[in-house]
Amino acid sequence: MSNFLYISCCKCLDSKDPFYEVTRANVRPTGSGGVLVDNGTPVIADTVFLNYFLTVNCIAEAKTGFSSLLVNGAYACKCNECGGQGLKSKLLSIEITSDNTFSGIAANGSLNSFFKVKSDDLNVPDYSISDLINFFNNNRGIKAGFFVFTKTKPGNNLSHKFKLNMIYANNSVVTVVTNPIVWQ
């Protein structure tokens, strides 16, 4: 029995599932200068950032024309990106809330108006949470993550657990909550 290594370019097939879905989110809250702010120590910062990292599911396939159990393959491919056609189910809403009163907004009320989404491009202004929904729903989508920030302080010395809820048209909900943050 012999094995050989076949190295070549490949012929791409359309993705089995050209769409993606967000299955989970993680959050890393930081203050000015990138310092973690959810470690139980009161934070003195002019800005709080909530850095969200997304876990997504999608399926893509490449085909070579060789289909032998005796062939190992190393392929140089540029196929349609897995999930390249955007979200499988449209994002209906994104909401950020706190478990305590925040700048006059009752616990669990929407804080979206206090948060902005940071643009990657220094020449492009920051944008709103509702604009973020449009970015998710267009074909480019957002698969790696995003970060939001606020310069509005809560107006009290209470701890705040910020919750992100992402609700999709297929009724799935992705939720993530920070550890308590005390921002003074």
N, C-alpha and C. Protein backbone atom coordinates (compact mmCIF):
# COMPACT_ATOMS: atom_id res chain seq x y z
N MET A 1 0.84 -1.16 0.00
CA MET A 1 0.00 0.00 0.00
C MET A 1 0.89 1.23 0.00
N SER A 2 0.56 2.19 -0.84
CA SER A 2 1.37 3.41 -0.89
C SER A 2 0.48 4.63 -0.76
N ASN A 3 1.02 5.63 -0.16
CA ASN A 3 0.38 6.94 -0.04
C ASN A 3 1.19 7.94 -0.82
N PHE A 4 0.54 8.93 -1.38
CA PHE A 4 1.29 10.01 -1.97
C PHE A 4 0.55 11.31 -1.70
N LEU A 5 1.30 12.38 -1.70
CA LEU A 5 0.76 13.70 -1.42
C LEU A 5 0.47 14.38 -2.74
N TYR A 6 -0.76 14.81 -2.91
CA TYR A 6 -1.20 15.50 -4.11
C TYR A 6 -1.35 16.97 -3.78
N ILE A 7 -0.58 17.82 -4.42
CA ILE A 7 -0.65 19.26 -4.16
C ILE A 7 -1.10 19.94 -5.44
N SER A 8 -2.20 20.68 -5.35
CA SER A 8 -2.67 21.38 -6.54
C SER A 8 -3.69 22.42 -6.14
N CYS A 9 -4.13 23.15 -7.12
CA CYS A 9 -5.25 24.06 -6.90
C CYS A 9 -6.52 23.23 -6.94
N CYS A 10 -7.58 23.75 -6.44
CA CYS A 10 -8.80 22.96 -6.38
C CYS A 10 -9.92 23.66 -7.13
N LYS A 11 -10.92 22.91 -7.40
CA LYS A 11 -12.14 23.42 -8.00
C LYS A 11 -13.14 23.59 -6.86
N CYS A 12 -13.63 24.78 -6.70
CA CYS A 12 -14.54 25.04 -5.59
C CYS A 12 -15.97 24.75 -6.00
N LEU A 13 -16.70 24.21 -5.06
CA LEU A 13 -18.13 24.05 -5.20
C LEU A 13 -18.80 25.14 -4.38
N ASP A 14 -20.04 25.39 -4.68
CA ASP A 14 -20.78 26.31 -3.84
C ASP A 14 -20.82 25.75 -2.43
N SER A 15 -20.86 26.62 -1.47
CA SER A 15 -20.95 26.19 -0.08
C SER A 15 -22.21 25.37 0.12
N LYS A 16 -22.11 24.35 0.97
CA LYS A 16 -23.31 23.61 1.33
C LYS A 16 -24.29 24.55 2.03
N ASP A 17 -23.76 25.43 2.82
CA ASP A 17 -24.57 26.43 3.48
C ASP A 17 -23.85 27.76 3.34
N PRO A 18 -24.25 28.58 2.38
CA PRO A 18 -23.52 29.83 2.14
C PRO A 18 -23.81 30.90 3.17
N PHE A 19 -24.63 30.59 4.16
CA PHE A 19 -25.00 31.56 5.18
C PHE A 19 -24.35 31.18 6.51
N TYR A 20 -24.40 32.08 7.46
CA TYR A 20 -23.88 31.78 8.79
C TYR A 20 -24.90 32.18 9.84
N GLU A 21 -24.72 31.65 11.04
CA GLU A 21 -25.55 32.06 12.16
C GLU A 21 -24.66 32.25 13.38
N VAL A 22 -24.99 33.24 14.18
CA VAL A 22 -24.26 33.50 15.41
C VAL A 22 -24.84 32.58 16.47
N THR A 23 -23.99 31.79 17.10
CA THR A 23 -24.46 30.83 18.10
C THR A 23 -24.12 31.23 19.53
N ARG A 24 -23.13 32.11 19.68
CA ARG A 24 -22.70 32.48 21.02
C ARG A 24 -21.91 33.77 20.95
N ALA A 25 -21.88 34.50 22.06
CA ALA A 25 -21.07 35.72 22.16
C ALA A 25 -20.33 35.71 23.49
N ASN A 26 -19.15 36.28 23.48
CA ASN A 26 -18.38 36.52 24.69
C ASN A 26 -18.11 38.02 24.75
N VAL A 27 -17.89 38.52 25.95
CA VAL A 27 -17.64 39.95 26.11
C VAL A 27 -16.40 40.17 26.96
N ARG A 28 -15.64 41.18 26.58
CA ARG A 28 -14.46 41.60 27.34
C ARG A 28 -14.58 43.11 27.56
N PRO A 29 -15.03 43.53 28.75
CA PRO A 29 -15.18 44.97 29.02
C PRO A 29 -13.83 45.60 29.39
N THR A 30 -13.53 46.72 28.77
CA THR A 30 -12.29 47.45 29.06
C THR A 30 -12.59 48.92 29.24
N GLY A 31 -11.66 49.60 29.87
CA GLY A 31 -11.74 51.04 30.01
C GLY A 31 -10.72 51.70 29.11
N SER A 32 -10.57 52.99 29.25
CA SER A 32 -9.57 53.72 28.49
C SER A 32 -8.22 53.05 28.68
N GLY A 33 -7.49 52.87 27.61
CA GLY A 33 -6.18 52.24 27.70
C GLY A 33 -6.22 50.72 27.70
N GLY A 34 -7.40 50.13 27.52
CA GLY A 34 -7.50 48.67 27.40
C GLY A 34 -7.49 47.91 28.72
N VAL A 35 -7.62 48.61 29.83
CA VAL A 35 -7.61 47.96 31.15
C VAL A 35 -8.94 47.25 31.38
N LEU A 36 -8.89 46.00 31.84
CA LEU A 36 -10.12 45.26 32.17
C LEU A 36 -10.87 45.98 33.29
N VAL A 37 -12.20 46.07 33.15
CA VAL A 37 -12.98 46.83 34.11
C VAL A 37 -14.02 46.00 34.86
N ASP A 38 -14.03 44.70 34.66
CA ASP A 38 -15.03 43.86 35.35
C ASP A 38 -14.38 42.93 36.36
N ASN A 39 -13.36 43.43 37.04
CA ASN A 39 -12.62 42.61 38.00
C ASN A 39 -12.98 42.94 39.45
N GLY A 40 -14.05 43.71 39.68
CA GLY A 40 -14.48 44.03 41.03
C GLY A 40 -13.91 45.31 41.60
N THR A 41 -12.92 45.89 40.94
CA THR A 41 -12.32 47.14 41.39
C THR A 41 -13.07 48.30 40.76
N PRO A 42 -13.43 49.32 41.55
CA PRO A 42 -14.10 50.49 40.94
C PRO A 42 -13.25 51.10 39.83
N VAL A 43 -13.91 51.47 38.75
CA VAL A 43 -13.24 51.96 37.56
C VAL A 43 -13.34 53.48 37.50
N ILE A 44 -12.20 54.11 37.28
CA ILE A 44 -12.19 55.54 37.02
C ILE A 44 -11.66 55.68 35.59
N ALA A 45 -12.55 55.88 34.65
CA ALA A 45 -12.18 55.97 33.23
C ALA A 45 -13.16 56.91 32.55
N ASP A 46 -12.73 57.51 31.45
CA ASP A 46 -13.65 58.40 30.73
C ASP A 46 -14.53 57.62 29.75
N THR A 47 -14.14 56.39 29.42
CA THR A 47 -14.88 55.59 28.45
C THR A 47 -14.86 54.12 28.88
N VAL A 48 -15.99 53.43 28.68
CA VAL A 48 -16.04 51.98 28.87
C VAL A 48 -16.35 51.35 27.52
N PHE A 49 -15.56 50.35 27.15
CA PHE A 49 -15.74 49.60 25.90
C PHE A 49 -16.25 48.20 26.23
N LEU A 50 -17.21 47.73 25.48
CA LEU A 50 -17.68 46.34 25.58
C LEU A 50 -17.28 45.67 24.28
N ASN A 51 -16.27 44.83 24.35
CA ASN A 51 -15.73 44.13 23.18
C ASN A 51 -16.40 42.78 23.05
N TYR A 52 -17.17 42.58 21.99
CA TYR A 52 -17.94 41.35 21.79
C TYR A 52 -17.26 40.47 20.75
N PHE A 53 -17.10 39.21 21.08
CA PHE A 53 -16.51 38.21 20.19
C PHE A 53 -17.58 37.17 19.90
N LEU A 54 -17.80 36.88 18.62
CA LEU A 54 -18.90 36.02 18.21
C LEU A 54 -18.41 34.64 17.78
N THR A 55 -19.21 33.62 18.09
CA THR A 55 -19.00 32.27 17.59
C THR A 55 -20.08 32.02 16.55
N VAL A 56 -19.66 31.59 15.35
CA VAL A 56 -20.62 31.40 14.26
C VAL A 56 -20.51 29.97 13.71
N ASN A 57 -21.60 29.52 13.10
CA ASN A 57 -21.64 28.24 12.39
C ASN A 57 -21.83 28.50 10.92
N CYS A 58 -21.07 27.80 10.10
CA CYS A 58 -21.28 27.81 8.65
C CYS A 58 -20.55 26.61 8.06
N ILE A 59 -20.91 26.26 6.83
CA ILE A 59 -20.33 25.07 6.19
C ILE A 59 -19.88 25.46 4.79
N ALA A 60 -18.67 25.06 4.42
CA ALA A 60 -18.17 25.28 3.06
C ALA A 60 -17.44 24.02 2.63
N GLU A 61 -17.30 23.86 1.33
CA GLU A 61 -16.68 22.64 0.82
C GLU A 61 -15.84 22.98 -0.40
N ALA A 62 -14.73 22.29 -0.55
CA ALA A 62 -13.92 22.39 -1.75
C ALA A 62 -13.77 20.99 -2.34
N LYS A 63 -13.65 20.91 -3.65
CA LYS A 63 -13.54 19.60 -4.31
C LYS A 63 -12.34 19.61 -5.25
N THR A 64 -11.63 18.48 -5.31
CA THR A 64 -10.43 18.42 -6.13
C THR A 64 -10.56 17.54 -7.35
N GLY A 65 -11.42 16.60 -7.37
CA GLY A 65 -11.46 15.67 -8.49
C GLY A 65 -10.79 14.36 -8.14
N PHE A 66 -9.95 14.33 -7.11
CA PHE A 66 -9.37 13.09 -6.62
C PHE A 66 -10.16 12.67 -5.40
N SER A 67 -10.59 11.46 -5.37
CA SER A 67 -11.34 10.99 -4.20
C SER A 67 -10.90 9.59 -3.84
N SER A 68 -9.67 9.48 -3.42
CA SER A 68 -9.15 8.17 -3.05
C SER A 68 -8.76 8.19 -1.58
N LEU A 69 -8.96 7.08 -0.93
CA LEU A 69 -8.54 6.98 0.47
C LEU A 69 -7.03 6.97 0.59
N LEU A 70 -6.35 6.74 -0.52
CA LEU A 70 -4.89 6.67 -0.49
C LEU A 70 -4.23 8.00 -0.78
N VAL A 71 -5.00 9.06 -0.92
CA VAL A 71 -4.44 10.35 -1.30
C VAL A 71 -4.59 11.33 -0.15
N ASN A 72 -3.46 11.92 0.25
CA ASN A 72 -3.49 13.05 1.16
C ASN A 72 -3.49 14.30 0.29
N GLY A 73 -4.11 15.34 0.72
CA GLY A 73 -4.18 16.52 -0.13
C GLY A 73 -3.80 17.79 0.59
N ALA A 74 -3.13 18.67 -0.13
CA ALA A 74 -2.87 20.03 0.33
C ALA A 74 -3.34 20.92 -0.80
N TYR A 75 -4.34 21.71 -0.55
CA TYR A 75 -4.97 22.45 -1.63
C TYR A 75 -4.77 23.96 -1.46
N ALA A 76 -4.52 24.62 -2.54
CA ALA A 76 -4.44 26.08 -2.53
C ALA A 76 -5.72 26.58 -3.17
N CYS A 77 -6.65 26.99 -2.37
CA CYS A 77 -7.98 27.33 -2.87
C CYS A 77 -8.38 28.74 -2.49
N LYS A 78 -9.18 29.32 -3.30
CA LYS A 78 -9.88 30.55 -2.97
C LYS A 78 -11.32 30.29 -3.36
N CYS A 79 -12.07 29.78 -2.41
CA CYS A 79 -13.46 29.43 -2.65
C CYS A 79 -14.36 30.52 -2.07
N ASN A 80 -15.65 30.41 -2.38
CA ASN A 80 -16.59 31.30 -1.73
C ASN A 80 -16.44 31.13 -0.24
N GLU A 81 -16.40 32.25 0.44
CA GLU A 81 -16.21 32.23 1.88
C GLU A 81 -17.36 31.52 2.57
N CYS A 82 -17.03 30.74 3.55
CA CYS A 82 -18.03 30.08 4.36
C CYS A 82 -18.91 31.15 4.99
N GLY A 83 -20.20 31.09 4.74
CA GLY A 83 -21.10 32.11 5.26
C GLY A 83 -21.04 33.41 4.48
N GLY A 84 -20.45 33.38 3.30
CA GLY A 84 -20.22 34.59 2.52
C GLY A 84 -21.47 35.31 2.05
N GLN A 85 -22.63 34.67 2.13
CA GLN A 85 -23.86 35.34 1.71
C GLN A 85 -24.61 35.96 2.88
N GLY A 86 -23.96 36.03 4.05
CA GLY A 86 -24.56 36.73 5.18
C GLY A 86 -25.28 35.82 6.15
N LEU A 87 -26.08 36.45 6.97
CA LEU A 87 -26.82 35.74 8.02
C LEU A 87 -27.87 34.80 7.44
N LYS A 88 -28.01 33.64 8.05
CA LYS A 88 -29.06 32.70 7.67
C LYS A 88 -30.43 33.26 8.05
N SER A 89 -30.51 33.87 9.20
CA SER A 89 -31.76 34.46 9.69
C SER A 89 -31.46 35.90 10.10
N LYS A 90 -32.20 36.84 9.59
CA LYS A 90 -31.93 38.26 9.79
C LYS A 90 -31.96 38.63 11.27
N LEU A 91 -31.08 39.56 11.62
CA LEU A 91 -31.04 40.11 12.97
C LEU A 91 -32.15 41.14 13.10
N LEU A 92 -33.03 40.96 14.07
CA LEU A 92 -34.15 41.89 14.26
C LEU A 92 -33.81 43.01 15.23
N SER A 93 -33.08 42.67 16.30
CA SER A 93 -32.77 43.72 17.27
C SER A 93 -31.51 43.39 18.05
N ILE A 94 -30.88 44.45 18.50
CA ILE A 94 -29.76 44.38 19.43
C ILE A 94 -30.11 45.33 20.55
N GLU A 95 -29.97 44.86 21.78
CA GLU A 95 -30.26 45.74 22.90
C GLU A 95 -29.23 45.55 24.00
N ILE A 96 -28.77 46.66 24.54
CA ILE A 96 -27.86 46.65 25.68
C ILE A 96 -28.63 47.19 26.87
N THR A 97 -28.57 46.47 27.98
CA THR A 97 -29.26 46.88 29.20
C THR A 97 -28.31 46.73 30.39
N SER A 98 -28.72 47.25 31.53
CA SER A 98 -27.99 47.07 32.79
C SER A 98 -28.95 46.53 33.84
N ASP A 99 -28.41 45.86 34.82
CA ASP A 99 -29.24 45.33 35.90
C ASP A 99 -29.52 46.38 36.98
N ASN A 100 -28.99 47.61 36.82
CA ASN A 100 -29.25 48.71 37.75
C ASN A 100 -29.58 49.97 36.96
N THR A 101 -30.13 50.95 37.64
CA THR A 101 -30.42 52.23 37.00
C THR A 101 -29.12 52.82 36.44
N PHE A 102 -29.19 53.26 35.19
CA PHE A 102 -28.03 53.82 34.49
C PHE A 102 -28.42 55.17 33.93
N SER A 103 -27.84 56.22 34.46
CA SER A 103 -28.08 57.59 33.98
C SER A 103 -29.57 57.88 33.79
N GLY A 104 -30.38 57.51 34.79
CA GLY A 104 -31.81 57.78 34.77
C GLY A 104 -32.66 56.74 34.08
N ILE A 105 -32.05 55.75 33.43
CA ILE A 105 -32.80 54.67 32.77
C ILE A 105 -32.93 53.52 33.77
N ALA A 106 -34.17 53.08 34.00
CA ALA A 106 -34.43 52.00 34.97
C ALA A 106 -33.70 50.72 34.57
N ALA A 107 -33.45 49.88 35.56
CA ALA A 107 -32.81 48.58 35.31
C ALA A 107 -33.56 47.85 34.21
N ASN A 108 -32.82 47.20 33.34
CA ASN A 108 -33.32 46.43 32.20
C ASN A 108 -33.94 47.27 31.09
N GLY A 109 -33.84 48.59 31.19
CA GLY A 109 -34.27 49.47 30.10
C GLY A 109 -33.16 49.58 29.05
N SER A 110 -33.52 49.91 27.84
CA SER A 110 -32.54 49.99 26.75
C SER A 110 -31.55 51.13 26.98
N LEU A 111 -30.28 50.79 26.84
CA LEU A 111 -29.21 51.78 26.93
C LEU A 111 -28.59 52.05 25.57
N ASN A 112 -29.23 51.60 24.51
CA ASN A 112 -28.67 51.73 23.16
C ASN A 112 -28.30 53.17 22.81
N SER A 113 -29.07 54.13 23.29
CA SER A 113 -28.79 55.53 22.93
C SER A 113 -27.50 56.03 23.58
N PHE A 114 -27.02 55.37 24.62
CA PHE A 114 -25.78 55.78 25.29
C PHE A 114 -24.54 55.15 24.65
N PHE A 115 -24.72 54.10 23.87
CA PHE A 115 -23.60 53.37 23.29
C PHE A 115 -23.46 53.67 21.80
N LYS A 116 -22.23 53.71 21.34
CA LYS A 116 -21.90 53.85 19.92
C LYS A 116 -21.03 52.66 19.52
N VAL A 117 -21.08 52.33 18.25
CA VAL A 117 -20.23 51.27 17.70
C VAL A 117 -18.99 51.94 17.13
N LYS A 118 -17.84 51.44 17.52
CA LYS A 118 -16.58 52.02 17.07
C LYS A 118 -16.28 51.55 15.66
N SER A 119 -16.01 52.50 14.78
CA SER A 119 -15.67 52.19 13.40
C SER A 119 -14.22 51.72 13.30
N ASP A 120 -13.96 50.79 12.36
CA ASP A 120 -12.59 50.35 12.10
C ASP A 120 -11.79 51.43 11.40
N ASP A 121 -12.46 52.26 10.66
CA ASP A 121 -11.84 53.27 9.81
C ASP A 121 -11.82 54.60 10.57
N LEU A 122 -10.63 55.14 10.77
CA LEU A 122 -10.51 56.41 11.50
C LEU A 122 -11.20 57.56 10.78
N ASN A 123 -11.42 57.42 9.47
CA ASN A 123 -12.06 58.48 8.69
C ASN A 123 -13.59 58.37 8.71
N VAL A 124 -14.11 57.30 9.30
CA VAL A 124 -15.55 57.08 9.35
C VAL A 124 -16.02 57.31 10.78
N PRO A 125 -17.04 58.12 10.96
CA PRO A 125 -17.51 58.36 12.34
C PRO A 125 -18.11 57.10 12.96
N ASP A 126 -18.13 57.09 14.28
CA ASP A 126 -18.76 55.99 15.00
C ASP A 126 -20.24 55.97 14.66
N TYR A 127 -20.88 54.82 14.81
CA TYR A 127 -22.28 54.74 14.41
C TYR A 127 -23.13 54.12 15.51
N SER A 128 -24.43 54.16 15.31
CA SER A 128 -25.39 53.76 16.34
C SER A 128 -25.58 52.24 16.37
N ILE A 129 -26.21 51.77 17.44
CA ILE A 129 -26.54 50.35 17.57
C ILE A 129 -27.51 49.93 16.45
N SER A 130 -28.47 50.80 16.10
CA SER A 130 -29.40 50.43 15.02
C SER A 130 -28.67 50.31 13.68
N ASP A 131 -27.62 51.11 13.47
CA ASP A 131 -26.81 50.95 12.26
C ASP A 131 -26.09 49.60 12.25
N LEU A 132 -25.73 49.11 13.43
CA LEU A 132 -25.06 47.83 13.54
C LEU A 132 -25.95 46.70 13.01
N ILE A 133 -27.24 46.80 13.26
CA ILE A 133 -28.18 45.80 12.74
C ILE A 133 -28.11 45.75 11.22
N ASN A 134 -28.04 46.91 10.57
CA ASN A 134 -27.92 46.95 9.11
C ASN A 134 -26.64 46.30 8.63
N PHE A 135 -25.54 46.52 9.34
CA PHE A 135 -24.28 45.88 8.97
C PHE A 135 -24.38 44.36 9.06
N PHE A 136 -25.02 43.87 10.10
CA PHE A 136 -25.20 42.42 10.24
C PHE A 136 -26.05 41.87 9.10
N ASN A 137 -27.09 42.58 8.74
CA ASN A 137 -28.06 42.05 7.76
C ASN A 137 -27.64 42.23 6.31
N ASN A 138 -26.64 43.04 6.03
CA ASN A 138 -26.21 43.13 4.63
C ASN A 138 -25.32 41.93 4.33
N ASN A 139 -25.01 41.70 3.09
CA ASN A 139 -24.27 40.49 2.71
C ASN A 139 -22.88 40.39 3.31
N ARG A 140 -22.29 41.52 3.67
CA ARG A 140 -20.96 41.45 4.27
C ARG A 140 -21.03 40.82 5.66
N GLY A 141 -22.03 41.20 6.40
CA GLY A 141 -22.20 40.64 7.74
C GLY A 141 -21.06 41.00 8.67
N ILE A 142 -21.19 40.58 9.89
CA ILE A 142 -20.15 40.73 10.91
C ILE A 142 -20.03 39.38 11.57
N LYS A 143 -18.89 38.71 11.37
CA LYS A 143 -18.77 37.36 11.90
C LYS A 143 -17.77 37.25 13.05
N ALA A 144 -16.82 38.16 13.14
CA ALA A 144 -15.80 38.03 14.17
C ALA A 144 -16.22 38.69 15.48
N GLY A 145 -16.83 39.85 15.37
CA GLY A 145 -17.22 40.58 16.57
C GLY A 145 -17.29 42.07 16.31
N PHE A 146 -17.53 42.80 17.36
CA PHE A 146 -17.64 44.24 17.28
C PHE A 146 -17.43 44.81 18.66
N PHE A 147 -17.19 46.13 18.74
CA PHE A 147 -17.14 46.69 20.07
C PHE A 147 -17.90 48.00 20.11
N VAL A 148 -18.52 48.20 21.25
CA VAL A 148 -19.31 49.40 21.50
C VAL A 148 -18.67 50.14 22.67
N PHE A 149 -18.98 51.42 22.77
CA PHE A 149 -18.42 52.19 23.87
C PHE A 149 -19.42 53.25 24.32
N THR A 150 -19.22 53.71 25.55
CA THR A 150 -20.00 54.83 26.06
C THR A 150 -19.09 55.72 26.90
N LYS A 151 -19.35 57.00 26.83
CA LYS A 151 -18.67 57.97 27.68
C LYS A 151 -19.62 58.47 28.77
N THR A 152 -20.87 57.99 28.72
CA THR A 152 -21.87 58.37 29.72
C THR A 152 -21.66 57.53 30.97
N LYS A 153 -21.45 58.19 32.08
CA LYS A 153 -21.29 57.47 33.35
C LYS A 153 -22.66 57.17 33.93
N PRO A 154 -22.77 56.11 34.74
CA PRO A 154 -24.08 55.67 35.22
C PRO A 154 -24.77 56.65 36.16
N GLY A 155 -24.04 57.56 36.79
CA GLY A 155 -24.68 58.51 37.70
C GLY A 155 -24.90 57.94 39.09
N ASN A 156 -24.33 56.80 39.39
CA ASN A 156 -24.41 56.20 40.73
C ASN A 156 -23.18 55.33 40.93
N ASN A 157 -22.97 54.88 42.14
CA ASN A 157 -21.82 54.03 42.44
C ASN A 157 -22.20 52.56 42.53
N LEU A 158 -23.31 52.19 41.90
CA LEU A 158 -23.76 50.79 41.89
C LEU A 158 -22.97 49.99 40.86
N SER A 159 -22.92 48.69 41.07
CA SER A 159 -22.31 47.84 40.04
C SER A 159 -23.32 47.65 38.91
N HIS A 160 -22.81 47.44 37.72
CA HIS A 160 -23.65 47.24 36.54
C HIS A 160 -23.20 46.00 35.79
N LYS A 161 -24.14 45.11 35.55
CA LYS A 161 -23.92 43.98 34.66
C LYS A 161 -24.61 44.37 33.35
N PHE A 162 -23.81 44.62 32.33
CA PHE A 162 -24.37 44.99 31.03
C PHE A 162 -24.72 43.72 30.26
N LYS A 163 -25.95 43.68 29.76
CA LYS A 163 -26.43 42.53 29.00
C LYS A 163 -26.63 42.93 27.54
N LEU A 164 -26.13 42.09 26.64
CA LEU A 164 -26.36 42.24 25.21
C LEU A 164 -27.33 41.16 24.79
N ASN A 165 -28.44 41.55 24.15
CA ASN A 165 -29.40 40.60 23.57
C ASN A 165 -29.44 40.83 22.07
N MET A 166 -29.24 39.76 21.32
CA MET A 166 -29.36 39.80 19.86
C MET A 166 -30.49 38.85 19.50
N ILE A 167 -31.56 39.39 18.90
CA ILE A 167 -32.74 38.59 18.57
C ILE A 167 -32.84 38.45 17.05
N TYR A 168 -33.02 37.20 16.59
CA TYR A 168 -33.04 36.90 15.16
C TYR A 168 -34.44 36.52 14.70
N ALA A 169 -34.68 36.59 13.40
CA ALA A 169 -35.99 36.31 12.80
C ALA A 169 -36.44 34.87 13.03
N ASN A 170 -35.52 33.94 13.25
CA ASN A 170 -35.90 32.55 13.51
C ASN A 170 -36.17 32.31 15.00
N ASN A 171 -36.32 33.39 15.76
CA ASN A 171 -36.61 33.36 17.20
C ASN A 171 -35.43 32.95 18.06
N SER A 172 -34.24 32.80 17.49
CA SER A 172 -33.08 32.51 18.33
C SER A 172 -32.61 33.81 18.99
N VAL A 173 -32.04 33.65 20.17
CA VAL A 173 -31.55 34.80 20.94
C VAL A 173 -30.14 34.48 21.41
N VAL A 174 -29.22 35.40 21.18
CA VAL A 174 -27.87 35.28 21.70
C VAL A 174 -27.72 36.34 22.78
N THR A 175 -27.34 35.90 23.97
CA THR A 175 -27.24 36.80 25.12
C THR A 175 -25.89 36.61 25.79
N VAL A 176 -25.30 37.71 26.23
CA VAL A 176 -24.08 37.65 27.01
C VAL A 176 -24.14 38.79 28.03
N VAL A 177 -23.63 38.52 29.24
CA VAL A 177 -23.67 39.49 30.34
C VAL A 177 -22.26 39.66 30.89
N THR A 178 -21.89 40.93 31.15
CA THR A 178 -20.59 41.20 31.75
C THR A 178 -20.62 40.80 33.22
N ASN A 179 -19.44 40.65 33.79
CA ASN A 179 -19.32 40.61 35.24
C ASN A 179 -19.65 42.01 35.75
N PRO A 180 -19.90 42.17 37.06
CA PRO A 180 -20.23 43.51 37.57
C PRO A 180 -19.13 44.53 37.31
N ILE A 181 -19.54 45.71 36.89
CA ILE A 181 -18.64 46.84 36.63
C ILE A 181 -19.08 47.99 37.52
N VAL A 182 -18.15 48.53 38.32
CA VAL A 182 -18.44 49.71 39.13
C VAL A 182 -17.66 50.86 38.50
N TRP A 183 -18.40 51.79 37.89
CA TRP A 183 -17.79 52.89 37.14
C TRP A 183 -18.08 54.18 37.85
N GLN A 184 -17.04 54.87 38.28
CA GLN A 184 -17.22 56.13 39.01
C GLN A 184 -16.77 57.32 38.19
